[in-house]
């Protein structure tokens, strides 16, 4: 996906919670949390990767 800051590669993963929250490796992931897709699509949250907002709008059209 192209972005004003340059080209980026974005992968989307689906994870189903089974009694525990995700535990990413802190050496690889600084922050991990859930942000509702509509919050991102409505502009209420800015992803770290700017192209991420466009990906959310494509995955969850209003």
N, C-alpha and C. Protein backbone atom coordinates (compact mmCIF):
# COMPACT_ATOMS: atom_id res chain seq x y z
N UNK A 1 0.84 -1.16 0.00
CA UNK A 1 0.00 0.00 0.00
C UNK A 1 0.90 1.24 0.00
N UNK A 2 0.60 2.22 -0.82
CA UNK A 2 1.40 3.43 -0.84
C UNK A 2 0.90 4.41 0.22
N UNK A 3 1.82 5.18 0.73
CA UNK A 3 1.54 6.09 1.82
C UNK A 3 2.34 7.35 1.56
N UNK A 4 1.87 8.52 2.00
CA UNK A 4 2.65 9.74 1.79
C UNK A 4 4.07 9.66 2.37
N UNK A 5 4.28 8.77 3.33
CA UNK A 5 5.59 8.62 3.97
C UNK A 5 6.46 7.59 3.26
N UNK A 6 5.94 6.98 2.19
CA UNK A 6 6.68 5.95 1.46
C UNK A 6 5.86 4.67 1.36
N UNK A 7 6.41 3.71 0.66
CA UNK A 7 5.71 2.44 0.48
C UNK A 7 5.80 1.63 1.77
N UNK A 8 4.76 0.83 2.01
CA UNK A 8 4.77 -0.03 3.19
C UNK A 8 4.11 -1.36 2.85
N UNK A 9 4.42 -2.35 3.64
CA UNK A 9 3.81 -3.67 3.52
C UNK A 9 3.02 -3.89 4.78
N UNK A 10 1.76 -4.27 4.63
CA UNK A 10 0.90 -4.44 5.79
C UNK A 10 0.27 -5.82 5.73
N UNK A 11 0.41 -6.56 6.80
CA UNK A 11 -0.21 -7.88 6.89
C UNK A 11 -1.30 -7.83 7.95
N UNK A 12 -2.40 -8.51 7.69
CA UNK A 12 -3.50 -8.56 8.64
C UNK A 12 -3.60 -9.99 9.15
N UNK A 13 -3.66 -10.13 10.45
CA UNK A 13 -3.77 -11.45 11.07
C UNK A 13 -5.04 -11.50 11.90
N UNK A 14 -5.63 -12.66 11.94
CA UNK A 14 -6.81 -12.84 12.79
C UNK A 14 -6.40 -13.73 13.95
N UNK A 15 -6.74 -13.30 15.14
CA UNK A 15 -6.42 -14.06 16.34
C UNK A 15 -7.69 -14.21 17.16
N UNK A 16 -7.97 -15.41 17.59
CA UNK A 16 -9.15 -15.67 18.40
C UNK A 16 -8.69 -15.92 19.84
N UNK A 17 -9.19 -15.12 20.75
CA UNK A 17 -8.82 -15.25 22.16
C UNK A 17 -9.40 -16.53 22.74
N UNK A 18 -8.56 -17.27 23.45
CA UNK A 18 -9.00 -18.49 24.10
C UNK A 18 -8.60 -18.39 25.58
N UNK A 19 -9.27 -17.51 26.30
CA UNK A 19 -9.04 -17.40 27.72
C UNK A 19 -7.85 -16.59 28.17
N UNK A 20 -7.11 -16.00 27.26
CA UNK A 20 -5.96 -15.18 27.65
C UNK A 20 -5.70 -14.12 26.59
N UNK A 21 -5.14 -12.98 27.00
CA UNK A 21 -4.79 -11.95 26.02
C UNK A 21 -3.52 -12.36 25.27
N UNK A 22 -3.27 -11.74 24.13
CA UNK A 22 -2.03 -12.06 23.40
C UNK A 22 -0.81 -11.64 24.22
N UNK A 23 0.29 -12.37 24.05
CA UNK A 23 1.54 -12.04 24.74
C UNK A 23 2.67 -11.95 23.71
N UNK A 24 2.73 -10.83 22.99
CA UNK A 24 3.80 -10.70 21.99
C UNK A 24 5.17 -10.58 22.65
N UNK A 25 6.19 -10.91 21.91
CA UNK A 25 7.56 -10.80 22.39
C UNK A 25 7.90 -9.32 22.55
N UNK A 26 8.20 -8.85 23.77
CA UNK A 26 8.47 -7.41 23.98
C UNK A 26 9.71 -6.92 23.24
N UNK A 27 10.57 -7.82 22.76
CA UNK A 27 11.72 -7.40 21.97
C UNK A 27 11.28 -7.03 20.55
N UNK A 28 10.11 -7.49 20.14
CA UNK A 28 9.61 -7.23 18.78
C UNK A 28 8.44 -6.26 18.75
N UNK A 29 7.61 -6.28 19.78
CA UNK A 29 6.37 -5.49 19.81
C UNK A 29 6.40 -4.55 21.01
N UNK A 30 6.30 -3.24 20.77
CA UNK A 30 6.32 -2.26 21.85
C UNK A 30 4.96 -2.17 22.51
N UNK A 31 3.89 -2.21 21.74
CA UNK A 31 2.53 -2.08 22.27
C UNK A 31 1.62 -3.04 21.54
N UNK A 32 0.73 -3.67 22.25
CA UNK A 32 -0.26 -4.57 21.66
C UNK A 32 -1.57 -4.33 22.37
N UNK A 33 -2.62 -4.04 21.62
CA UNK A 33 -3.92 -3.80 22.22
C UNK A 33 -4.99 -3.80 21.15
N UNK A 34 -6.24 -3.76 21.58
CA UNK A 34 -7.35 -3.77 20.65
C UNK A 34 -7.88 -2.35 20.47
N UNK A 35 -8.07 -1.97 19.23
CA UNK A 35 -8.72 -0.71 18.89
C UNK A 35 -9.86 -1.08 17.95
N UNK A 36 -11.07 -0.69 18.30
CA UNK A 36 -12.23 -1.03 17.48
C UNK A 36 -12.06 -0.48 16.07
N UNK A 37 -12.37 -1.30 15.05
CA UNK A 37 -12.22 -0.85 13.66
C UNK A 37 -12.95 0.45 13.36
N UNK A 38 -14.15 0.63 13.92
CA UNK A 38 -14.89 1.87 13.65
C UNK A 38 -14.19 3.09 14.24
N UNK A 39 -13.46 2.91 15.34
CA UNK A 39 -12.70 4.01 15.92
C UNK A 39 -11.60 4.46 14.96
N UNK A 40 -10.92 3.50 14.34
CA UNK A 40 -9.87 3.83 13.37
C UNK A 40 -10.49 4.44 12.12
N UNK A 41 -11.55 3.82 11.60
CA UNK A 41 -12.19 4.29 10.37
C UNK A 41 -12.74 5.71 10.52
N UNK A 42 -13.22 6.04 11.73
CA UNK A 42 -13.78 7.37 11.96
C UNK A 42 -12.72 8.41 12.28
N UNK A 43 -11.45 8.01 12.34
CA UNK A 43 -10.38 8.96 12.61
C UNK A 43 -10.11 9.19 14.08
N UNK A 44 -10.69 8.35 14.96
CA UNK A 44 -10.49 8.52 16.39
C UNK A 44 -9.20 7.90 16.92
N UNK A 45 -8.44 7.24 16.06
CA UNK A 45 -7.18 6.62 16.45
C UNK A 45 -6.28 6.61 15.23
N UNK A 46 -5.06 7.05 15.39
CA UNK A 46 -4.12 7.07 14.28
C UNK A 46 -3.12 5.92 14.45
N UNK A 47 -3.15 4.94 13.53
CA UNK A 47 -2.20 3.83 13.63
C UNK A 47 -0.77 4.30 13.47
N UNK A 48 0.17 3.53 14.01
CA UNK A 48 1.58 3.84 13.87
C UNK A 48 1.99 3.88 12.40
N UNK A 49 1.45 2.95 11.62
CA UNK A 49 1.69 2.93 10.18
C UNK A 49 0.51 3.62 9.52
N UNK A 50 0.71 4.81 8.92
CA UNK A 50 -0.40 5.57 8.36
C UNK A 50 -1.26 4.77 7.38
N UNK A 51 -0.67 3.87 6.61
CA UNK A 51 -1.46 3.08 5.66
C UNK A 51 -2.39 2.13 6.38
N UNK A 52 -2.18 1.91 7.69
CA UNK A 52 -3.04 1.02 8.46
C UNK A 52 -4.48 1.51 8.50
N UNK A 53 -4.69 2.81 8.56
CA UNK A 53 -6.05 3.34 8.58
C UNK A 53 -6.77 3.01 7.28
N UNK A 54 -6.09 3.10 6.16
CA UNK A 54 -6.70 2.75 4.87
C UNK A 54 -7.03 1.27 4.83
N UNK A 55 -6.18 0.44 5.37
CA UNK A 55 -6.45 -1.00 5.41
C UNK A 55 -7.69 -1.28 6.24
N UNK A 56 -7.84 -0.61 7.37
CA UNK A 56 -9.03 -0.81 8.21
C UNK A 56 -10.27 -0.36 7.47
N UNK A 57 -10.20 0.76 6.77
CA UNK A 57 -11.38 1.23 6.01
C UNK A 57 -11.75 0.23 4.92
N UNK A 58 -10.78 -0.43 4.31
CA UNK A 58 -11.08 -1.43 3.28
C UNK A 58 -11.66 -2.70 3.88
N UNK A 59 -11.14 -3.10 5.04
CA UNK A 59 -11.61 -4.34 5.68
C UNK A 59 -12.97 -4.18 6.34
N UNK A 60 -13.25 -2.98 6.87
CA UNK A 60 -14.49 -2.72 7.60
C UNK A 60 -15.17 -1.48 7.03
N UNK A 61 -15.74 -1.57 5.83
CA UNK A 61 -16.39 -0.38 5.25
C UNK A 61 -17.59 0.05 6.07
N UNK A 62 -17.76 1.36 6.21
CA UNK A 62 -18.90 1.90 7.00
C UNK A 62 -20.18 1.72 6.23
